[in-house]
Amino acid sequence: KFLKEKTFICLCTNKKQFLAEKILEELEIKKFFNYILGSDG
């Protein structure tokens, strides 16, 4: 919440893309990220 007002927020994970997005969605924090980057194979 603090950083969202100040900067771009990215996620960079070795987890597969669809899993990263699913987890962020289910934990209700996906809205904070400007860019979500997971494994695309």
PDB file of all heavy atoms in Angstrom:
ATOM      1  N   LYS A   1       0.841  -1.209   0.000  1.00  0.00           N
ATOM      2  CA  LYS A   1       0.000   0.000   0.000  1.00  0.00           C
ATOM      3  C   LYS A   1       0.870   1.251   0.000  1.00  0.00           C
ATOM      4  O   LYS A   1       0.597   2.214  -0.716  1.00  0.00           O
ATOM      5  CB  LYS A   1      -0.910   0.004   1.225  1.00  0.00           C
ATOM      6  CG  LYS A   1      -2.023  -1.021   1.187  1.00  0.00           C
ATOM      7  CD  LYS A   1      -2.851  -0.967   2.468  1.00  0.00           C
ATOM      8  CE  LYS A   1      -3.986  -1.981   2.437  1.00  0.00           C
ATOM      9  NZ  LYS A   1      -4.756  -1.978   3.705  1.00  0.00           N
ATOM     10  N   PHE A   2       1.924   1.232   0.796  1.00  0.00           N
ATOM     11  CA  PHE A   2       2.845   2.358   0.905  1.00  0.00           C
ATOM     12  C   PHE A   2       3.559   2.618  -0.422  1.00  0.00           C
ATOM     13  O   PHE A   2       3.633   3.757  -0.906  1.00  0.00           O
ATOM     14  CB  PHE A   2       3.864   2.069   2.014  1.00  0.00           C
ATOM     15  CG  PHE A   2       5.003   3.045   2.093  1.00  0.00           C
ATOM     16  CD1 PHE A   2       4.831   4.290   2.686  1.00  0.00           C
ATOM     17  CD2 PHE A   2       6.251   2.712   1.587  1.00  0.00           C
ATOM     18  CE1 PHE A   2       5.883   5.192   2.774  1.00  0.00           C
ATOM     19  CE2 PHE A   2       7.312   3.606   1.657  1.00  0.00           C
ATOM     20  CZ  PHE A   2       7.125   4.850   2.258  1.00  0.00           C
ATOM     21  N   LEU A   3       4.079   1.557  -1.043  1.00  0.00           N
ATOM     22  CA  LEU A   3       4.859   1.698  -2.270  1.00  0.00           C
ATOM     23  C   LEU A   3       3.997   2.029  -3.480  1.00  0.00           C
ATOM     24  O   LEU A   3       4.473   2.675  -4.428  1.00  0.00           O
ATOM     25  CB  LEU A   3       5.648   0.413  -2.537  1.00  0.00           C
ATOM     26  CG  LEU A   3       6.788   0.111  -1.567  1.00  0.00           C
ATOM     27  CD1 LEU A   3       7.339  -1.290  -1.809  1.00  0.00           C
ATOM     28  CD2 LEU A   3       7.889   1.158  -1.688  1.00  0.00           C
ATOM     29  N   LYS A   4       2.757   1.594  -3.471  1.00  0.00           N
ATOM     30  CA  LYS A   4       1.869   1.831  -4.607  1.00  0.00           C
ATOM     31  C   LYS A   4       1.717   3.318  -4.893  1.00  0.00           C
ATOM     32  O   LYS A   4       1.525   3.725  -6.048  1.00  0.00           O
ATOM     33  CB  LYS A   4       0.495   1.210  -4.326  1.00  0.00           C
ATOM     34  CG  LYS A   4      -0.462   1.239  -5.503  1.00  0.00           C
ATOM     35  CD  LYS A   4       0.040   0.381  -6.653  1.00  0.00           C
ATOM     36  CE  LYS A   4      -0.966   0.317  -7.782  1.00  0.00           C
ATOM     37  NZ  LYS A   4      -0.446  -0.420  -8.959  1.00  0.00           N
ATOM     38  N   GLU A   5       1.853   4.140  -3.863  1.00  0.00           N
ATOM     39  CA  GLU A   5       1.718   5.590  -4.022  1.00  0.00           C
ATOM     40  C   GLU A   5       3.003   6.249  -4.514  1.00  0.00           C
ATOM     41  O   GLU A   5       3.020   7.425  -4.831  1.00  0.00           O
ATOM     42  CB  GLU A   5       1.320   6.212  -2.676  1.00  0.00           C
ATOM     43  CG  GLU A   5       0.048   5.661  -2.070  1.00  0.00           C
ATOM     44  CD  GLU A   5      -1.159   5.909  -2.949  1.00  0.00           C
ATOM     45  OE1 GLU A   5      -1.254   7.018  -3.517  1.00  0.00           O
ATOM     46  OE2 GLU A   5      -2.001   4.999  -3.087  1.00  0.00           O
ATOM     47  N   LYS A   6       4.097   5.473  -4.550  1.00  0.00           N
ATOM     48  CA  LYS A   6       5.395   6.075  -4.812  1.00  0.00           C
ATOM     49  C   LYS A   6       6.130   5.555  -6.046  1.00  0.00           C
ATOM     50  O   LYS A   6       6.987   6.247  -6.586  1.00  0.00           O
ATOM     51  CB  LYS A   6       6.301   5.860  -3.584  1.00  0.00           C
ATOM     52  CG  LYS A   6       5.778   6.516  -2.319  1.00  0.00           C
ATOM     53  CD  LYS A   6       6.684   6.204  -1.138  1.00  0.00           C
ATOM     54  CE  LYS A   6       6.195   6.923   0.113  1.00  0.00           C
ATOM     55  NZ  LYS A   6       6.252   8.389  -0.027  1.00  0.00           N
ATOM     56  N   THR A   7       5.821   4.339  -6.489  1.00  0.00           N
ATOM     57  CA  THR A   7       6.679   3.722  -7.499  1.00  0.00           C
ATOM     58  C   THR A   7       5.957   2.616  -8.258  1.00  0.00           C
ATOM     59  O   THR A   7       4.884   2.160  -7.836  1.00  0.00           O
ATOM     60  CB  THR A   7       7.938   3.133  -6.819  1.00  0.00           C
ATOM     61  OG1 THR A   7       8.827   2.621  -7.805  1.00  0.00           O
ATOM     62  CG2 THR A   7       7.575   2.008  -5.865  1.00  0.00           C
ATOM     63  N   PHE A   8       6.532   2.166  -9.370  1.00  0.00           N
ATOM     64  CA  PHE A   8       6.035   0.978 -10.053  1.00  0.00           C
ATOM     65  C   PHE A   8       6.396  -0.241  -9.201  1.00  0.00           C
ATOM     66  O   PHE A   8       7.478  -0.293  -8.614  1.00  0.00           O
ATOM     67  CB  PHE A   8       6.692   0.823 -11.426  1.00  0.00           C
ATOM     68  CG  PHE A   8       6.302   1.880 -12.415  1.00  0.00           C
ATOM     69  CD1 PHE A   8       7.273   2.702 -12.984  1.00  0.00           C
ATOM     70  CD2 PHE A   8       4.982   2.058 -12.802  1.00  0.00           C
ATOM     71  CE1 PHE A   8       6.925   3.679 -13.904  1.00  0.00           C
ATOM     72  CE2 PHE A   8       4.627   3.030 -13.723  1.00  0.00           C
ATOM     73  CZ  PHE A   8       5.601   3.845 -14.271  1.00  0.00           C
ATOM     74  N   ILE A   9       5.501  -1.202  -9.174  1.00  0.00           N
ATOM     75  CA  ILE A   9       5.756  -2.428  -8.417  1.00  0.00           C
ATOM     76  C   ILE A   9       5.689  -3.617  -9.362  1.00  0.00           C
ATOM     77  O   ILE A   9       4.685  -3.832 -10.048  1.00  0.00           O
ATOM     78  CB  ILE A   9       4.732  -2.620  -7.278  1.00  0.00           C
ATOM     79  CG1 ILE A   9       4.745  -1.419  -6.335  1.00  0.00           C
ATOM     80  CG2 ILE A   9       5.046  -3.908  -6.507  1.00  0.00           C
ATOM     81  CD1 ILE A   9       3.716  -1.521  -5.209  1.00  0.00           C
ATOM     82  N   CYS A  10       6.773  -4.396  -9.402  1.00  0.00           N
ATOM     83  CA  CYS A  10       6.840  -5.577 -10.269  1.00  0.00           C
ATOM     84  C   CYS A  10       7.004  -6.839  -9.429  1.00  0.00           C
ATOM     85  O   CYS A  10       7.589  -6.806  -8.343  1.00  0.00           O
ATOM     86  CB  CYS A  10       8.035  -5.491 -11.208  1.00  0.00           C
ATOM     87  SG  CYS A  10       7.997  -4.101 -12.333  1.00  0.00           S
ATOM     88  N   LEU A  11       6.519  -7.927  -9.958  1.00  0.00           N
ATOM     89  CA  LEU A  11       6.787  -9.237  -9.390  1.00  0.00           C
ATOM     90  C   LEU A  11       7.655  -9.987 -10.381  1.00  0.00           C
ATOM     91  O   LEU A  11       7.359 -10.005 -11.583  1.00  0.00           O
ATOM     92  CB  LEU A  11       5.493 -10.019  -9.152  1.00  0.00           C
ATOM     93  CG  LEU A  11       5.719 -11.358  -8.435  1.00  0.00           C
ATOM     94  CD1 LEU A  11       5.868 -11.126  -6.940  1.00  0.00           C
ATOM     95  CD2 LEU A  11       4.577 -12.330  -8.707  1.00  0.00           C
ATOM     96  N   CYS A  12       8.735 -10.585  -9.893  1.00  0.00           N
ATOM     97  CA  CYS A  12       9.638 -11.350 -10.753  1.00  0.00           C
ATOM     98  C   CYS A  12       9.925 -12.679 -10.059  1.00  0.00           C
ATOM     99  O   CYS A  12      10.712 -12.740  -9.119  1.00  0.00           O
ATOM    100  CB  CYS A  12      10.926 -10.562 -10.982  1.00  0.00           C
ATOM    101  SG  CYS A  12      12.061 -11.338 -12.148  1.00  0.00           S
ATOM    102  N   THR A  13       9.261 -13.727 -10.505  1.00  0.00           N
ATOM    103  CA  THR A  13       9.341 -15.012  -9.835  1.00  0.00           C
ATOM    104  C   THR A  13       9.603 -16.143 -10.819  1.00  0.00           C
ATOM    105  O   THR A  13       9.171 -16.089 -11.974  1.00  0.00           O
ATOM    106  CB  THR A  13       8.027 -15.309  -9.074  1.00  0.00           C
ATOM    107  OG1 THR A  13       8.074 -16.631  -8.521  1.00  0.00           O
ATOM    108  CG2 THR A  13       6.815 -15.198  -9.989  1.00  0.00           C
ATOM    109  N   ASN A  14      10.298 -17.170 -10.342  1.00  0.00           N
ATOM    110  CA  ASN A  14      10.537 -18.358 -11.157  1.00  0.00           C
ATOM    111  C   ASN A  14       9.315 -19.273 -11.196  1.00  0.00           C
ATOM    112  O   ASN A  14       9.315 -20.271 -11.919  1.00  0.00           O
ATOM    113  CB  ASN A  14      11.747 -19.139 -10.637  1.00  0.00           C
ATOM    114  CG  ASN A  14      13.062 -18.474 -10.995  1.00  0.00           C
ATOM    115  OD1 ASN A  14      13.117 -17.629 -11.878  1.00  0.00           O
ATOM    116  ND2 ASN A  14      14.128 -18.854 -10.303  1.00  0.00           N
ATOM    117  N   LYS A  15       8.298 -18.932 -10.437  1.00  0.00           N
ATOM    118  CA  LYS A  15       7.059 -19.699 -10.463  1.00  0.00           C
ATOM    119  C   LYS A  15       6.355 -19.462 -11.798  1.00  0.00           C
ATOM    120  O   LYS A  15       6.466 -18.388 -12.380  1.00  0.00           O
ATOM    121  CB  LYS A  15       6.163 -19.240  -9.302  1.00  0.00           C
ATOM    122  CG  LYS A  15       5.007 -20.174  -8.999  1.00  0.00           C
ATOM    123  CD  LYS A  15       4.149 -19.612  -7.879  1.00  0.00           C
ATOM    124  CE  LYS A  15       4.835 -19.606  -6.543  1.00  0.00           C
ATOM    125  NZ  LYS A  15       5.076 -20.946  -6.007  1.00  0.00           N
ATOM    126  N   LYS A  16       5.629 -20.442 -12.278  1.00  0.00           N
ATOM    127  CA  LYS A  16       4.922 -20.294 -13.548  1.00  0.00           C
ATOM    128  C   LYS A  16       3.970 -19.103 -13.510  1.00  0.00           C
ATOM    129  O   LYS A  16       3.377 -18.796 -12.473  1.00  0.00           O
ATOM    130  CB  LYS A  16       4.160 -21.576 -13.890  1.00  0.00           C
ATOM    131  CG  LYS A  16       5.067 -22.719 -14.334  1.00  0.00           C
ATOM    132  CD  LYS A  16       4.272 -23.901 -14.826  1.00  0.00           C
ATOM    133  CE  LYS A  16       5.188 -25.017 -15.309  1.00  0.00           C
ATOM    134  NZ  LYS A  16       5.979 -24.627 -16.482  1.00  0.00           N
ATOM    135  N   GLN A  17       3.835 -18.440 -14.639  1.00  0.00           N
ATOM    136  CA  GLN A  17       3.051 -17.214 -14.736  1.00  0.00           C
ATOM    137  C   GLN A  17       1.625 -17.373 -14.184  1.00  0.00           C
ATOM    138  O   GLN A  17       1.166 -16.570 -13.372  1.00  0.00           O
ATOM    139  CB  GLN A  17       2.987 -16.754 -16.192  1.00  0.00           C
ATOM    140  CG  GLN A  17       2.216 -15.462 -16.416  1.00  0.00           C
ATOM    141  CD  GLN A  17       3.005 -14.218 -16.040  1.00  0.00           C
ATOM    142  OE1 GLN A  17       4.228 -14.202 -16.151  1.00  0.00           O
ATOM    143  NE2 GLN A  17       2.307 -13.188 -15.595  1.00  0.00           N
ATOM    144  N   PHE A  18       0.936 -18.412 -14.621  1.00  0.00           N
ATOM    145  CA  PHE A  18      -0.465 -18.548 -14.211  1.00  0.00           C
ATOM    146  C   PHE A  18      -0.592 -18.823 -12.719  1.00  0.00           C
ATOM    147  O   PHE A  18      -1.556 -18.396 -12.069  1.00  0.00           O
ATOM    148  CB  PHE A  18      -1.173 -19.634 -15.036  1.00  0.00           C
ATOM    149  CG  PHE A  18      -0.970 -21.050 -14.562  1.00  0.00           C
ATOM    150  CD1 PHE A  18      -1.901 -21.645 -13.721  1.00  0.00           C
ATOM    151  CD2 PHE A  18       0.133 -21.782 -14.962  1.00  0.00           C
ATOM    152  CE1 PHE A  18      -1.737 -22.956 -13.296  1.00  0.00           C
ATOM    153  CE2 PHE A  18       0.314 -23.087 -14.533  1.00  0.00           C
ATOM    154  CZ  PHE A  18      -0.625 -23.687 -13.698  1.00  0.00           C
ATOM    155  N   LEU A  19       0.406 -19.495 -12.143  1.00  0.00           N
ATOM    156  CA  LEU A  19       0.386 -19.760 -10.709  1.00  0.00           C
ATOM    157  C   LEU A  19       0.647 -18.484  -9.916  1.00  0.00           C
ATOM    158  O   LEU A  19      -0.002 -18.233  -8.895  1.00  0.00           O
ATOM    159  CB  LEU A  19       1.432 -20.822 -10.353  1.00  0.00           C
ATOM    160  CG  LEU A  19       1.103 -22.256 -10.775  1.00  0.00           C
ATOM    161  CD1 LEU A  19       2.291 -23.160 -10.512  1.00  0.00           C
ATOM    162  CD2 LEU A  19      -0.133 -22.759 -10.036  1.00  0.00           C
ATOM    163  N   ALA A  20       1.596 -17.681 -10.387  1.00  0.00           N
ATOM    164  CA  ALA A  20       1.893 -16.419  -9.710  1.00  0.00           C
ATOM    165  C   ALA A  20       0.645 -15.532  -9.684  1.00  0.00           C
ATOM    166  O   ALA A  20       0.292 -14.964  -8.640  1.00  0.00           O
ATOM    167  CB  ALA A  20       3.038 -15.701 -10.406  1.00  0.00           C
ATOM    168  N   GLU A  21      -0.027 -15.435 -10.821  1.00  0.00           N
ATOM    169  CA  GLU A  21      -1.220 -14.597 -10.891  1.00  0.00           C
ATOM    170  C   GLU A  21      -2.348 -15.151 -10.031  1.00  0.00           C
ATOM    171  O   GLU A  21      -3.072 -14.393  -9.370  1.00  0.00           O
ATOM    172  CB  GLU A  21      -1.659 -14.457 -12.347  1.00  0.00           C
ATOM    173  CG  GLU A  21      -0.648 -13.699 -13.208  1.00  0.00           C
ATOM    174  CD  GLU A  21      -1.188 -13.342 -14.578  1.00  0.00           C
ATOM    175  OE1 GLU A  21      -2.423 -13.345 -14.744  1.00  0.00           O
ATOM    176  OE2 GLU A  21      -0.378 -13.048 -15.472  1.00  0.00           O
ATOM    177  N   LYS A  22      -2.486 -16.445 -10.027  1.00  0.00           N
ATOM    178  CA  LYS A  22      -3.532 -17.095  -9.232  1.00  0.00           C
ATOM    179  C   LYS A  22      -3.321 -16.836  -7.736  1.00  0.00           C
ATOM    180  O   LYS A  22      -4.258 -16.490  -7.003  1.00  0.00           O
ATOM    181  CB  LYS A  22      -3.529 -18.604  -9.501  1.00  0.00           C
ATOM    182  CG  LYS A  22      -4.514 -19.428  -8.672  1.00  0.00           C
ATOM    183  CD  LYS A  22      -4.384 -20.898  -9.030  1.00  0.00           C
ATOM    184  CE  LYS A  22      -5.209 -21.801  -8.120  1.00  0.00           C
ATOM    185  NZ  LYS A  22      -6.663 -21.640  -8.320  1.00  0.00           N
ATOM    186  N   ILE A  23      -2.080 -16.958  -7.294  1.00  0.00           N
ATOM    187  CA  ILE A  23      -1.770 -16.758  -5.884  1.00  0.00           C
ATOM    188  C   ILE A  23      -1.989 -15.307  -5.466  1.00  0.00           C
ATOM    189  O   ILE A  23      -2.590 -15.023  -4.423  1.00  0.00           O
ATOM    190  CB  ILE A  23      -0.325 -17.205  -5.586  1.00  0.00           C
ATOM    191  CG1 ILE A  23      -0.230 -18.734  -5.676  1.00  0.00           C
ATOM    192  CG2 ILE A  23       0.131 -16.730  -4.203  1.00  0.00           C
ATOM    193  CD1 ILE A  23       1.170 -19.265  -5.677  1.00  0.00           C
ATOM    194  N   LEU A  24      -1.515 -14.369  -6.282  1.00  0.00           N
ATOM    195  CA  LEU A  24      -1.715 -12.958  -5.965  1.00  0.00           C
ATOM    196  C   LEU A  24      -3.201 -12.609  -5.906  1.00  0.00           C
ATOM    197  O   LEU A  24      -3.635 -11.826  -5.053  1.00  0.00           O
ATOM    198  CB  LEU A  24      -1.018 -12.077  -6.997  1.00  0.00           C
ATOM    199  CG  LEU A  24       0.506 -12.151  -7.068  1.00  0.00           C
ATOM    200  CD1 LEU A  24       1.021 -11.182  -8.115  1.00  0.00           C
ATOM    201  CD2 LEU A  24       1.143 -11.864  -5.720  1.00  0.00           C
ATOM    202  N   GLU A  25      -3.964 -13.201  -6.813  1.00  0.00           N
ATOM    203  CA  GLU A  25      -5.411 -12.965  -6.852  1.00  0.00           C
ATOM    204  C   GLU A  25      -6.075 -13.518  -5.594  1.00  0.00           C
ATOM    205  O   GLU A  25      -6.874 -12.835  -4.931  1.00  0.00           O
ATOM    206  CB  GLU A  25      -6.005 -13.630  -8.086  1.00  0.00           C
ATOM    207  CG  GLU A  25      -7.486 -13.349  -8.311  1.00  0.00           C
ATOM    208  CD  GLU A  25      -7.750 -11.942  -8.795  1.00  0.00           C
ATOM    209  OE1 GLU A  25      -7.085 -11.479  -9.732  1.00  0.00           O
ATOM    210  OE2 GLU A  25      -8.645 -11.309  -8.202  1.00  0.00           O
ATOM    211  N   GLU A  26      -5.735 -14.744  -5.244  1.00  0.00           N
ATOM    212  CA  GLU A  26      -6.386 -15.387  -4.103  1.00  0.00           C
ATOM    213  C   GLU A  26      -5.960 -14.782  -2.768  1.00  0.00           C
ATOM    214  O   GLU A  26      -6.723 -14.828  -1.791  1.00  0.00           O
ATOM    215  CB  GLU A  26      -6.127 -16.895  -4.142  1.00  0.00           C
ATOM    216  CG  GLU A  26      -6.804 -17.565  -5.334  1.00  0.00           C
ATOM    217  CD  GLU A  26      -6.686 -19.071  -5.354  1.00  0.00           C
ATOM    218  OE1 GLU A  26      -6.085 -19.650  -4.415  1.00  0.00           O
ATOM    219  OE2 GLU A  26      -7.201 -19.692  -6.309  1.00  0.00           O
ATOM    220  N   LEU A  27      -4.768 -14.212  -2.723  1.00  0.00           N
ATOM    221  CA  LEU A  27      -4.318 -13.540  -1.501  1.00  0.00           C
ATOM    222  C   LEU A  27      -4.694 -12.057  -1.508  1.00  0.00           C
ATOM    223  O   LEU A  27      -4.325 -11.317  -0.598  1.00  0.00           O
ATOM    224  CB  LEU A  27      -2.804 -13.712  -1.323  1.00  0.00           C
ATOM    225  CG  LEU A  27      -2.323 -15.149  -1.081  1.00  0.00           C
ATOM    226  CD1 LEU A  27      -0.809 -15.185  -0.918  1.00  0.00           C
ATOM    227  CD2 LEU A  27      -2.991 -15.760   0.146  1.00  0.00           C
ATOM    228  N   GLU A  28      -5.387 -11.649  -2.564  1.00  0.00           N
ATOM    229  CA  GLU A  28      -5.958 -10.304  -2.690  1.00  0.00           C
ATOM    230  C   GLU A  28      -4.913  -9.187  -2.710  1.00  0.00           C
ATOM    231  O   GLU A  28      -5.122  -8.102  -2.150  1.00  0.00           O
ATOM    232  CB  GLU A  28      -6.989 -10.057  -1.566  1.00  0.00           C
ATOM    233  CG  GLU A  28      -8.142 -11.058  -1.592  1.00  0.00           C
ATOM    234  CD  GLU A  28      -9.174 -10.791  -0.507  1.00  0.00           C
ATOM    235  OE1 GLU A  28      -8.894 -10.017   0.427  1.00  0.00           O
ATOM    236  OE2 GLU A  28     -10.278 -11.372  -0.594  1.00  0.00           O
ATOM    237  N   ILE A  29      -3.796  -9.437  -3.400  1.00  0.00           N
ATOM    238  CA  ILE A  29      -2.781  -8.383  -3.548  1.00  0.00           C
ATOM    239  C   ILE A  29      -2.399  -8.132  -5.011  1.00  0.00           C
ATOM    240  O   ILE A  29      -1.518  -7.329  -5.292  1.00  0.00           O
ATOM    241  CB  ILE A  29      -1.502  -8.689  -2.728  1.00  0.00           C
ATOM    242  CG1 ILE A  29      -0.877 -10.021  -3.169  1.00  0.00           C
ATOM    243  CG2 ILE A  29      -1.792  -8.681  -1.230  1.00  0.00           C
ATOM    244  CD1 ILE A  29       0.499 -10.267  -2.581  1.00  0.00           C
ATOM    245  N   LYS A  30      -3.075  -8.778  -5.927  1.00  0.00           N
ATOM    246  CA  LYS A  30      -2.739  -8.629  -7.341  1.00  0.00           C
ATOM    247  C   LYS A  30      -2.862  -7.182  -7.810  1.00  0.00           C
ATOM    248  O   LYS A  30      -2.081  -6.702  -8.646  1.00  0.00           O
ATOM    249  CB  LYS A  30      -3.632  -9.528  -8.187  1.00  0.00           C
ATOM    250  CG  LYS A  30      -3.248  -9.580  -9.664  1.00  0.00           C
ATOM    251  CD  LYS A  30      -4.123 -10.556 -10.433  1.00  0.00           C
ATOM    252  CE  LYS A  30      -3.727 -10.594 -11.902  1.00  0.00           C
ATOM    253  NZ  LYS A  30      -4.583 -11.549 -12.673  1.00  0.00           N
ATOM    254  N   LYS A  31      -3.800  -6.451  -7.254  1.00  0.00           N
ATOM    255  CA  LYS A  31      -4.070  -5.079  -7.683  1.00  0.00           C
ATOM    256  C   LYS A  31      -2.910  -4.120  -7.435  1.00  0.00           C
ATOM    257  O   LYS A  31      -2.858  -3.039  -8.026  1.00  0.00           O
ATOM    258  CB  LYS A  31      -5.306  -4.544  -6.960  1.00  0.00           C
ATOM    259  CG  LYS A  31      -5.144  -4.475  -5.453  1.00  0.00           C
ATOM    260  CD  LYS A  31      -6.444  -4.072  -4.770  1.00  0.00           C
ATOM    261  CE  LYS A  31      -6.292  -4.058  -3.259  1.00  0.00           C
ATOM    262  NZ  LYS A  31      -7.581  -3.736  -2.574  1.00  0.00           N
ATOM    263  N   PHE A  32      -1.972  -4.508  -6.589  1.00  0.00           N
ATOM    264  CA  PHE A  32      -0.856  -3.626  -6.265  1.00  0.00           C
ATOM    265  C   PHE A  32       0.262  -3.669  -7.307  1.00  0.00           C
ATOM    266  O   PHE A  32       1.140  -2.816  -7.308  1.00  0.00           O
ATOM    267  CB  PHE A  32      -0.274  -3.975  -4.893  1.00  0.00           C
ATOM    268  CG  PHE A  32      -1.209  -3.712  -3.748  1.00  0.00           C
ATOM    269  CD1 PHE A  32      -1.872  -4.753  -3.127  1.00  0.00           C
ATOM    270  CD2 PHE A  32      -1.440  -2.412  -3.310  1.00  0.00           C
ATOM    271  CE1 PHE A  32      -2.740  -4.515  -2.078  1.00  0.00           C
ATOM    272  CE2 PHE A  32      -2.305  -2.159  -2.266  1.00  0.00           C
ATOM    273  CZ  PHE A  32      -2.967  -3.212  -1.650  1.00  0.00           C
ATOM    274  N   PHE A  33       0.222  -4.655  -8.199  1.00  0.00           N
ATOM    275  CA  PHE A  33       1.343  -4.866  -9.114  1.00  0.00           C
ATOM    276  C   PHE A  33       1.075  -4.270 -10.490  1.00  0.00           C
ATOM    277  O   PHE A  33       0.048  -4.517 -11.102  1.00  0.00           O
ATOM    278  CB  PHE A  33       1.651  -6.356  -9.231  1.00  0.00           C
ATOM    279  CG  PHE A  33       2.193  -6.942  -7.963  1.00  0.00           C
ATOM    280  CD1 PHE A  33       1.326  -7.420  -6.982  1.00  0.00           C
ATOM    281  CD2 PHE A  33       3.552  -6.977  -7.727  1.00  0.00           C
ATOM    282  CE1 PHE A  33       1.818  -7.923  -5.789  1.00  0.00           C
ATOM    283  CE2 PHE A  33       4.057  -7.491  -6.549  1.00  0.00           C
ATOM    284  CZ  PHE A  33       3.184  -7.956  -5.573  1.00  0.00           C
ATOM    285  N   ASN A  34       2.041  -3.508 -10.966  1.00  0.00           N
ATOM    286  CA  ASN A  34       1.979  -2.948 -12.309  1.00  0.00           C
ATOM    287  C   ASN A  34       2.423  -3.954 -13.363  1.00  0.00           C
ATOM    288  O   ASN A  34       2.093  -3.825 -14.539  1.00  0.00           O
ATOM    289  CB  ASN A  34       2.869  -1.709 -12.409  1.00  0.00           C
ATOM    290  CG  ASN A  34       2.488  -0.638 -11.416  1.00  0.00           C
ATOM    291  OD1 ASN A  34       3.137  -0.490 -10.377  1.00  0.00           O
ATOM    292  ND2 ASN A  34       1.441   0.115 -11.702  1.00  0.00           N
ATOM    293  N   TYR A  35       3.191  -4.943 -12.930  1.00  0.00           N
ATOM    294  CA  TYR A  35       3.730  -5.939 -13.873  1.00  0.00           C
ATOM    295  C   TYR A  35       3.997  -7.216 -13.102  1.00  0.00           C
ATOM    296  O   TYR A  35       4.635  -7.194 -12.043  1.00  0.00           O
ATOM    297  CB  TYR A  35       5.010  -5.401 -14.497  1.00  0.00           C
ATOM    298  CG  TYR A  35       5.606  -6.237 -15.610  1.00  0.00           C
ATOM    299  CD1 TYR A  35       4.815  -6.872 -16.560  1.00  0.00           C
ATOM    300  CD2 TYR A  35       6.995  -6.362 -15.736  1.00  0.00           C
ATOM    301  CE1 TYR A  35       5.363  -7.615 -17.595  1.00  0.00           C
ATOM    302  CE2 TYR A  35       7.563  -7.094 -16.767  1.00  0.00           C
ATOM    303  CZ  TYR A  35       6.746  -7.715 -17.692  1.00  0.00           C
ATOM    304  OH  TYR A  35       7.293  -8.443 -18.722  1.00  0.00           O
ATOM    305  N   ILE A  36       3.469  -8.332 -13.616  1.00  0.00           N
ATOM    306  CA  ILE A  36       3.662  -9.632 -12.983  1.00  0.00           C
ATOM    307  C   ILE A  36       4.401 -10.518 -13.965  1.00  0.00           C
ATOM    308  O   ILE A  36       3.902 -10.810 -15.057  1.00  0.00           O
ATOM    309  CB  ILE A  36       2.316 -10.271 -12.595  1.00  0.00           C
ATOM    310  CG1 ILE A  36       1.579  -9.390 -11.584  1.00  0.00           C
ATOM    311  CG2 ILE A  36       2.529 -11.676 -12.024  1.00  0.00           C
ATOM    312  CD1 ILE A  36       0.133  -9.786 -11.369  1.00  0.00           C
ATOM    313  N   LEU A  37       5.592 -10.930 -13.597  1.00  0.00           N
ATOM    314  CA  LEU A  37       6.453 -11.698 -14.491  1.00  0.00           C
ATOM    315  C   LEU A  37       6.825 -13.026 -13.858  1.00  0.00           C
ATOM    316  O   LEU A  37       7.573 -13.088 -12.891  1.00  0.00           O
ATOM    317  CB  LEU A  37       7.720 -10.899 -14.814  1.00  0.00           C
ATOM    318  CG  LEU A  37       8.705 -11.539 -15.791  1.00  0.00           C
ATOM    319  CD1 LEU A  37       8.045 -11.771 -17.146  1.00  0.00           C
ATOM    320  CD2 LEU A  37       9.934 -10.654 -15.950  1.00  0.00           C
ATOM    321  N   GLY A  38       6.270 -14.098 -14.413  1.00  0.00           N
ATOM    322  CA  GLY A  38       6.599 -15.440 -13.962  1.00  0.00           C
ATOM    323  C   GLY A  38       7.239 -16.228 -15.087  1.00  0.00           C
ATOM    324  O   GLY A  38       7.492 -15.705 -16.177  1.00  0.00           O
ATOM    325  N   SER A  39       7.466 -17.494 -14.853  1.00  0.00           N
ATOM    326  CA  SER A  39       8.087 -18.355 -15.855  1.00  0.00           C
ATOM    327  C   SER A  39       7.143 -18.575 -17.031  1.00  0.00           C
ATOM    328  O   SER A  39       5.977 -18.911 -16.851  1.00  0.00           O
ATOM    329  CB  SER A  39       8.449 -19.699 -15.219  1.00  0.00           C
ATOM    330  OG  SER A  39       8.815 -20.632 -16.203  1.00  0.00           O
ATOM    331  N   ASP A  40       7.677 -18.374 -18.244  1.00  0.00           N
ATOM    332  CA  ASP A  40       6.880 -18.603 -19.453  1.00  0.00           C
ATOM    333  C   ASP A  40       7.395 -19.794 -20.254  1.00  0.00           C
ATOM    334  O   ASP A  40       6.903 -20.085 -21.344  1.00  0.00           O
ATOM    335  CB  ASP A  40       6.872 -17.351 -20.339  1.00  0.00           C
ATOM    336  CG  ASP A  40       8.268 -16.946 -20.801  1.00  0.00           C
ATOM    337  OD1 ASP A  40       9.241 -17.690 -20.543  1.00  0.00           O
ATOM    338  OD2 ASP A  40       8.398 -15.873 -21.418  1.00  0.00           O
ATOM    339  N   GLY A  41       8.384 -20.492 -19.711  1.00  0.00           N
ATOM    340  CA  GLY A  41       8.937 -21.657 -20.388  1.00  0.00           C
ATOM    341  C   GLY A  41       9.941 -21.322 -21.476  1.00  0.00           C
ATOM    342  O   GLY A  41      10.517 -22.212 -22.092  1.00  0.00           O
TER     343      GLY A  41
END
